[in-house]
Every structure is written in C-alpha cells, then in structure tokens.
Amino acid sequence: MDDAQSAGNLYGYTIRRNAASGRWEVFWKDKKINQDFASQADAEEWIDDQMPLNR
C-alpha cells in the first residue's frame, strides 16, 4: 500500500486510512465504496449497518 494504512478486516470489508487525506476508506473485494469516514469507528459502524443480522 503506497498511501494507505490498513486497519483490518470486518465481515470481509477492508478498512484503510488514507494517509493523504487522513480519512478512513472501506473496500469490498479491493473496490473502494463511494464514501469515506472521519474515524475508524464510523467506518466499522457503517459496515455493521450493512449486515442483515445487525439491523
């Protein structure tokens, strides 16, 4: 990873911090979703909301 720091995987999603912007990005199968997050916790919450069992 050139400009991103990986924070790990959650339910198959990958959460990375973009070093250039400081924002957190979520990837599914190496494709970035069209959204970024102010914190890692916000990204994890968004992922939790995508899971049918967590609704």
Protein backbone atom coordinates (compact mmCIF):
# COMPACT_ATOMS: atom_id res chain seq x y z
CA MET A 1 0.00 0.00 0.00
CA ASP A 2 1.52 3.26 -1.08
CA ASP A 3 -0.52 5.92 0.67
CA ALA A 4 -2.88 3.96 2.91
CA GLN A 5 -2.63 2.24 6.25
CA SER A 6 -4.68 -0.92 6.71
CA ALA A 7 -6.76 -1.15 9.86
CA GLY A 8 -8.01 -4.66 9.28
CA ASN A 9 -10.96 -6.61 8.00
CA LEU A 10 -14.54 -6.75 9.23
CA TYR A 11 -17.09 -9.11 7.64
CA GLY A 12 -14.92 -9.28 4.52
CA TYR A 13 -14.64 -5.48 4.20
CA THR A 14 -11.21 -3.87 4.45
CA ILE A 15 -10.81 -0.59 6.33
CA ARG A 16 -7.87 1.62 5.41
CA ARG A 17 -6.74 5.07 6.45
CA ASN A 18 -5.79 7.27 3.53
CA ALA A 19 -2.51 8.91 4.53
CA ALA A 20 -3.02 11.83 2.14
CA SER A 21 -6.48 12.83 3.38
CA GLY A 22 -6.47 11.32 6.87
CA ARG A 23 -9.92 9.87 6.19
CA TRP A 24 -10.93 6.22 6.55
CA GLU A 25 -11.98 4.27 3.47
CA VAL A 26 -13.88 1.00 3.15
CA PHE A 27 -13.16 -1.55 0.43
CA TRP A 28 -15.13 -4.59 -0.67
CA LYS A 29 -13.08 -7.09 -2.69
CA ASP A 30 -10.45 -4.37 -3.28
CA LYS A 31 -13.03 -1.92 -4.68
CA LYS A 32 -13.48 1.31 -2.72
CA ILE A 33 -17.03 2.17 -1.78
CA ASN A 34 -18.18 5.69 -2.65
CA GLN A 35 -17.82 7.06 0.84
CA ASP A 36 -15.14 7.89 3.37
CA PHE A 37 -15.30 8.31 7.12
CA ALA A 38 -13.85 10.65 9.73
CA SER A 39 -12.91 7.80 12.06
CA GLN A 40 -12.30 4.08 12.01
CA ALA A 41 -15.27 3.64 14.35
CA ASP A 42 -17.55 5.39 11.83
CA ALA A 43 -16.35 3.03 9.10
CA GLU A 44 -16.94 0.00 11.34
CA GLU A 45 -20.44 1.25 12.20
CA TRP A 46 -21.26 1.65 8.51
CA ILE A 47 -20.10 -1.93 7.87
CA ASP A 48 -22.20 -3.20 10.79
CA ASP A 49 -25.24 -1.47 9.27
CA GLN A 50 -24.69 -3.40 6.02
CA MET A 51 -25.03 -6.76 7.74
CA PRO A 52 -28.66 -8.06 7.76
CA LEU A 53 -28.23 -9.70 11.17
CA ASN A 54 -27.27 -6.36 12.75
CA ARG A 55 -30.35 -4.46 11.62
